[in-house]
Amino acid sequence: MKAKKDRVDEALNHHLSLEAGYPETLIESIKYSLFSGGKRLRPILVLAAGEAVGGSEEPLLPFACAMEMIHTYSLIHDDLPSMDDDDYRRGRLTNHKVYGEAVAVLAGDALLTLAFKLMTGPGMNDDLKPKPVIKAIREIADAAGLGGMVGGQVVDILSEGAAPDQETVNTIHEKKTGALIKACTAVGGLLAGGSEQEIEALKSYGGKIGLAFQIIDDILDIEGEKEALGKDIGKDQEKNKTTYPAVYGLDESKEKAVILIKQGIASLEMFGEKASFLRGIAAFILMRKS
């Protein structure tokens, strides 16, 4: 994971260096959040899914970087006072605490639009076939927008203080977090020339581990350590958010995360050893402490 993270960081640095001439403060704000020490899980999943169907890393890098830009934009906006109102992210002050709310909003907007520029730019996808590229962009737009991450965030906000229920918590988690992770595995398979059966298997894997990822997040907000997480814990309970522990309890939430990870790994059976890295990522999600 570290080797792939370094490769993604190198590519992100390269692509941002091409954006010279934009307002300096905006670029600083973007870099502040984009290079704040994230695990790069989403872009790594794009690369790993491509490898599972026999693809190479290089043609997928622009899309991998785009997924990290979209993820980072969502974090900047999630931290705003009008959303989750967080002061810290990954052990540092959140973007709006450093650059102000207006610049933070615009940094998020810039990252989202830059992601789509990156996926469609000249020279970025010359080695890829046009139809899979269009399908991949559509997949990402669906996962990031109304039917995915943005829609999930709205349900999350509107459900604060309401009595937690299973349908709501599943909707929030599958859309707000799971949809983008699922899209990462689908996009890697699509762009690397995977068959319809292979892409469906990768989607199944991505959907299961994406939901597990958010359940682990819910658990860490209760049991995690502030130093490891780089942010305050207990905020979900404080704001009466609809989480898995609030609906199912802590022990059952842990069991559900384990089951989902096992189901995700089982989805990869057809790939054999080519999916060993994806299996390792699933295990990492279950054991993570931050």
Protein backbone atom coordinates (compact mmCIF):
# COMPACT_ATOMS: atom_id res chain seq x y z
CA MET A 1 0.00 0.00 0.00
CA LYS A 2 2.85 2.38 0.78
CA ALA A 3 4.41 1.85 -2.65
CA LYS A 4 1.10 2.57 -4.39
CA LYS A 5 0.42 5.55 -2.10
CA ASP A 6 3.80 7.03 -3.05
CA ARG A 7 2.99 6.51 -6.74
CA VAL A 8 -0.36 8.28 -6.34
CA ASP A 9 1.23 11.14 -4.38
CA GLU A 10 3.81 11.60 -7.11
CA ALA A 11 1.09 11.74 -9.77
CA LEU A 12 -1.04 14.16 -7.72
CA ASN A 13 1.94 16.46 -7.28
CA HIS A 14 2.59 16.35 -11.00
CA HIS A 15 -0.98 17.17 -11.98
CA LEU A 16 -1.25 20.04 -9.50
CA SER A 17 2.01 21.50 -10.76
CA LEU A 18 0.32 21.92 -14.15
CA GLU A 19 -2.27 24.24 -12.60
CA ALA A 20 0.14 27.16 -12.18
CA GLY A 21 -1.47 30.58 -12.61
CA TYR A 22 -4.48 29.90 -10.43
CA PRO A 23 -4.90 32.00 -7.25
CA GLU A 24 -2.03 31.08 -4.94
CA THR A 25 -4.21 30.90 -1.84
CA LEU A 26 -6.59 28.49 -3.55
CA ILE A 27 -3.74 26.17 -4.57
CA GLU A 28 -2.34 26.31 -1.03
CA SER A 29 -5.75 25.41 0.38
CA ILE A 30 -6.11 22.49 -2.04
CA LYS A 31 -2.64 21.15 -1.24
CA TYR A 32 -3.22 21.58 2.49
CA SER A 33 -6.05 19.03 2.42
CA LEU A 34 -4.91 16.89 -0.49
CA PHE A 35 -1.54 16.17 1.11
CA SER A 36 -2.63 15.94 4.73
CA GLY A 37 -1.59 12.32 5.20
CA GLY A 38 -4.51 10.31 3.85
CA LYS A 39 -4.19 6.57 3.23
CA ARG A 40 -5.07 6.94 -0.49
CA LEU A 41 -7.37 3.96 -0.14
CA ARG A 42 -9.65 4.96 -3.00
CA PRO A 43 -7.00 5.51 -5.69
CA ILE A 44 -5.20 2.37 -4.53
CA LEU A 45 -8.44 0.42 -5.03
CA VAL A 46 -8.66 1.74 -8.61
CA LEU A 47 -5.14 0.47 -9.34
CA ALA A 48 -5.62 -2.85 -7.52
CA ALA A 49 -8.93 -3.58 -9.28
CA GLY A 50 -7.28 -2.92 -12.63
CA GLU A 51 -4.48 -5.31 -11.78
CA ALA A 52 -6.98 -7.99 -10.79
CA VAL A 53 -8.30 -8.11 -14.38
CA GLY A 54 -4.80 -8.01 -15.88
CA GLY A 55 -4.43 -4.27 -16.48
CA SER A 56 -1.38 -2.08 -15.90
CA GLU A 57 -1.06 0.78 -13.45
CA GLU A 58 0.04 3.71 -15.60
CA PRO A 59 -3.14 4.29 -17.69
CA LEU A 60 -5.29 4.18 -14.54
CA LEU A 61 -3.34 6.80 -12.57
CA PRO A 62 -5.29 9.88 -13.79
CA PHE A 63 -8.54 8.22 -12.70
CA ALA A 64 -6.99 7.11 -9.42
CA CYS A 65 -5.88 10.69 -8.74
CA ALA A 66 -9.33 11.98 -9.70
CA MET A 67 -10.96 9.72 -7.12
CA GLU A 68 -8.68 11.10 -4.41
CA MET A 69 -9.52 14.66 -5.47
CA ILE A 70 -13.24 13.91 -5.22
CA HIS A 71 -12.77 12.27 -1.83
CA THR A 72 -10.73 15.21 -0.54
CA TYR A 73 -13.31 17.72 -1.77
CA SER A 74 -15.98 15.82 0.18
CA LEU A 75 -13.89 15.93 3.37
CA ILE A 76 -13.31 19.68 3.08
CA HIS A 77 -17.04 20.28 2.68
CA ASP A 78 -18.02 17.73 5.37
CA ASP A 79 -15.90 19.60 7.92
CA LEU A 80 -17.60 22.96 7.32
CA PRO A 81 -19.67 24.55 10.12
CA SER A 82 -22.82 24.06 8.04
CA MET A 83 -22.10 20.32 7.83
CA ASP A 84 -20.24 18.38 10.55
CA ASP A 85 -18.51 21.46 12.02
CA ASP A 86 -15.19 19.74 12.71
CA ASP A 87 -12.07 21.56 13.89
CA TYR A 88 -9.55 18.79 13.18
CA ARG A 89 -8.91 16.32 10.39
CA ARG A 90 -5.94 13.90 10.36
CA GLY A 91 -4.36 15.68 13.31
CA ARG A 92 -4.44 19.14 11.75
CA LEU A 93 -6.86 22.04 11.73
CA THR A 94 -9.56 21.58 9.12
CA ASN A 95 -9.33 23.57 5.90
CA HIS A 96 -11.87 26.24 6.83
CA LYS A 97 -10.10 26.84 10.15
CA VAL A 98 -6.93 27.76 8.25
CA TYR A 99 -8.21 29.42 5.06
CA GLY A 100 -11.73 30.50 6.01
CA GLU A 101 -15.06 29.07 4.96
CA ALA A 102 -15.26 30.77 1.56
CA VAL A 103 -11.87 29.52 0.36
CA ALA A 104 -12.55 26.06 1.79
CA VAL A 105 -15.82 25.81 -0.17
CA LEU A 106 -14.08 26.96 -3.34
CA ALA A 107 -11.14 24.58 -2.77
CA GLY A 108 -13.62 21.71 -2.63
CA ASP A 109 -15.37 22.96 -5.76
CA ALA A 110 -12.03 23.27 -7.55
CA LEU A 111 -11.00 19.74 -6.62
CA LEU A 112 -14.26 18.27 -7.90
CA THR A 113 -14.04 20.03 -11.24
CA LEU A 114 -10.31 19.36 -11.54
CA ALA A 115 -11.01 15.66 -11.12
CA PHE A 116 -13.22 15.60 -14.23
CA LYS A 117 -10.72 17.72 -16.14
CA LEU A 118 -8.04 15.19 -15.25
CA MET A 119 -10.09 12.22 -16.46
CA THR A 120 -10.84 13.85 -19.81
CA GLY A 121 -7.65 15.83 -20.47
CA PRO A 122 -5.50 15.32 -23.59
CA GLY A 123 -2.88 12.66 -23.04
CA MET A 124 -4.54 11.40 -19.86
CA ASN A 125 -6.42 8.46 -21.34
CA ASP A 126 -4.81 7.95 -24.75
CA ASP A 127 -4.09 4.31 -23.89
CA LEU A 128 -7.69 3.59 -22.97
CA LYS A 129 -10.68 2.81 -25.18
CA PRO A 130 -13.28 5.63 -25.37
CA LYS A 131 -16.36 3.60 -24.36
CA PRO A 132 -14.93 2.30 -21.06
CA VAL A 133 -13.68 5.82 -20.27
CA ILE A 134 -17.19 7.26 -20.73
CA LYS A 135 -18.70 4.45 -18.65
CA ALA A 136 -16.12 5.02 -15.92
CA ILE A 137 -16.80 8.77 -15.78
CA ARG A 138 -20.54 8.08 -15.59
CA GLU A 139 -19.93 5.58 -12.77
CA ILE A 140 -17.93 8.18 -10.84
CA ALA A 141 -20.48 10.95 -11.40
CA ASP A 142 -23.28 8.69 -10.13
CA ALA A 143 -21.30 7.68 -7.06
CA ALA A 144 -20.26 11.23 -6.20
CA GLY A 145 -23.58 12.95 -6.81
CA LEU A 146 -27.27 12.85 -6.04
CA GLY A 147 -27.60 9.08 -5.94
CA GLY A 148 -24.37 8.56 -4.01
CA MET A 149 -22.12 10.61 -1.77
CA VAL A 150 -23.99 13.94 -1.91
CA GLY A 151 -27.36 12.29 -1.44
CA GLY A 152 -26.02 10.27 1.47
CA GLN A 153 -24.64 13.38 3.13
CA VAL A 154 -28.07 15.06 2.91
CA VAL A 155 -29.78 12.04 4.53
CA ASP A 156 -27.07 12.07 7.21
CA ILE A 157 -27.72 15.75 8.02
CA LEU A 158 -31.51 15.44 7.98
CA SER A 159 -31.47 12.38 10.23
CA GLU A 160 -29.51 14.04 13.04
CA GLY A 161 -31.52 13.84 16.26
CA ALA A 162 -34.08 11.45 14.78
CA ALA A 163 -34.69 7.97 16.15
CA PRO A 164 -32.09 5.73 14.46
CA ASP A 165 -33.39 2.97 12.20
CA GLN A 166 -31.88 0.30 9.98
CA GLU A 167 -33.11 1.63 6.64
CA THR A 168 -31.74 5.12 7.26
CA VAL A 169 -28.34 4.01 8.50
CA ASN A 170 -27.91 1.66 5.53
CA THR A 171 -28.91 4.41 3.10
CA ILE A 172 -26.44 6.86 4.63
CA HIS A 173 -23.52 4.45 4.74
CA GLU A 174 -24.07 2.87 1.33
CA LYS A 175 -24.38 6.25 -0.37
CA LYS A 176 -22.12 8.59 1.62
CA THR A 177 -19.13 6.25 1.87
CA GLY A 178 -19.84 2.98 0.11
CA ALA A 179 -20.81 4.36 -3.29
CA LEU A 180 -17.45 6.00 -4.01
CA ILE A 181 -15.46 2.98 -2.82
CA LYS A 182 -17.63 0.71 -4.97
CA ALA A 183 -17.06 3.04 -7.92
CA CYS A 184 -13.29 2.80 -7.44
CA THR A 185 -13.29 -0.96 -7.91
CA ALA A 186 -15.74 -0.76 -10.81
CA VAL A 187 -13.69 1.92 -12.59
CA GLY A 188 -10.43 0.00 -12.21
CA GLY A 189 -12.04 -3.06 -13.76
CA LEU A 190 -13.76 -1.12 -16.54
CA LEU A 191 -10.67 0.78 -17.66
CA ALA A 192 -8.44 -2.30 -17.54
CA GLY A 193 -10.74 -4.20 -19.88
CA GLY A 194 -12.50 -6.47 -17.40
CA SER A 195 -15.42 -8.59 -18.51
CA GLU A 196 -18.95 -7.85 -17.39
CA GLN A 197 -18.74 -10.74 -14.92
CA GLU A 198 -15.42 -9.48 -13.52
CA ILE A 199 -16.73 -5.93 -13.11
CA GLU A 200 -19.82 -7.16 -11.27
CA ALA A 201 -17.59 -9.18 -8.94
CA LEU A 202 -15.44 -6.11 -8.29
CA LYS A 203 -18.55 -4.03 -7.62
CA SER A 204 -19.76 -6.62 -5.13
CA TYR A 205 -16.39 -6.53 -3.40
CA GLY A 206 -16.32 -2.72 -3.37
CA GLY A 207 -19.86 -2.43 -2.03
CA LYS A 208 -19.18 -4.84 0.84
CA ILE A 209 -15.87 -3.34 1.94
CA GLY A 210 -17.23 0.19 1.48
CA LEU A 211 -20.06 -0.46 3.93
CA ALA A 212 -17.64 -2.19 6.30
CA PHE A 213 -15.30 0.81 6.10
CA GLN A 214 -18.01 3.16 7.37
CA ILE A 215 -19.13 0.76 10.09
CA ILE A 216 -15.52 0.67 11.34
CA ASP A 217 -15.56 4.48 11.24
CA ASP A 218 -18.65 4.47 13.47
CA ILE A 219 -16.97 2.08 15.89
CA LEU A 220 -13.75 4.12 16.00
CA ASP A 221 -15.75 7.21 16.92
CA ILE A 222 -16.61 5.35 20.12
CA GLU A 223 -13.56 3.18 20.80
CA GLY A 224 -10.81 4.90 18.82
CA GLU A 225 -7.97 7.03 20.12
CA LYS A 226 -7.88 10.72 19.31
CA GLU A 227 -4.14 10.62 18.58
CA ALA A 228 -4.52 7.79 16.06
CA LEU A 229 -7.63 9.23 14.40
CA GLY A 230 -6.32 12.80 14.30
CA LYS A 231 -9.72 14.18 15.30
CA ASP A 232 -12.06 14.34 18.28
CA ILE A 233 -13.97 11.17 19.11
CA GLY A 234 -17.53 10.89 20.34
CA LYS A 235 -18.91 13.49 17.94
CA ASP A 236 -21.42 11.06 16.39
CA GLN A 237 -23.05 10.47 19.77
CA GLU A 238 -22.82 14.14 20.67
CA LYS A 239 -24.75 15.11 17.51
CA ASN A 240 -27.16 12.15 17.73
CA LYS A 241 -26.07 10.89 14.34
CA THR A 242 -27.56 7.77 12.79
CA THR A 243 -24.74 5.24 13.04
CA TYR A 244 -24.45 1.45 13.12
CA PRO A 245 -23.71 1.29 16.86
CA ALA A 246 -26.72 3.55 17.51
CA VAL A 247 -28.98 1.15 15.59
CA TYR A 248 -27.41 -2.27 16.21
CA GLY A 249 -25.17 -1.77 19.24
CA LEU A 250 -21.40 -2.02 19.34
CA ASP A 251 -20.98 -5.81 19.40
CA GLU A 252 -23.39 -6.49 16.53
CA SER A 253 -21.81 -3.68 14.50
CA LYS A 254 -18.42 -5.37 14.86
CA GLU A 255 -19.93 -8.69 13.77
CA LYS A 256 -21.54 -7.07 10.74
CA ALA A 257 -18.21 -5.52 9.69
CA VAL A 258 -16.51 -8.93 9.88
CA ILE A 259 -19.28 -10.57 7.84
CA LEU A 260 -19.13 -7.86 5.18
CA ILE A 261 -15.36 -8.19 4.83
CA LYS A 262 -15.67 -11.96 4.46
CA GLN A 263 -18.40 -11.52 1.84
CA GLY A 264 -16.27 -8.98 -0.02
CA ILE A 265 -13.31 -11.35 -0.10
CA ALA A 266 -15.57 -14.18 -1.27
CA SER A 267 -16.61 -12.01 -4.24
CA LEU A 268 -13.02 -12.21 -5.52
CA GLU A 269 -12.87 -15.98 -5.91
CA MET A 270 -12.87 -15.90 -9.71
CA PHE A 271 -9.69 -13.79 -9.82
CA GLY A 272 -7.46 -16.23 -7.96
CA GLU A 273 -4.04 -14.87 -6.99
CA LYS A 274 -4.51 -11.75 -9.11
CA ALA A 275 -6.79 -10.38 -6.39
CA SER A 276 -4.47 -11.10 -3.45
CA PHE A 277 -3.80 -7.39 -2.96
CA LEU A 278 -7.54 -6.63 -2.90
CA ARG A 279 -7.96 -9.30 -0.23
CA GLY A 280 -5.20 -7.67 1.78
CA ILE A 281 -6.92 -4.28 1.53
CA ALA A 282 -10.12 -5.83 2.89
CA ALA A 283 -8.23 -7.21 5.89
CA PHE A 284 -6.57 -3.81 6.40
CA ILE A 285 -9.98 -2.08 6.52
CA LEU A 286 -11.18 -4.44 9.23
CA MET A 287 -8.05 -3.96 11.38
CA ARG A 288 -7.45 -0.24 10.90
CA LYS A 289 -7.20 2.08 13.87
CA SER A 290 -7.39 5.40 11.99
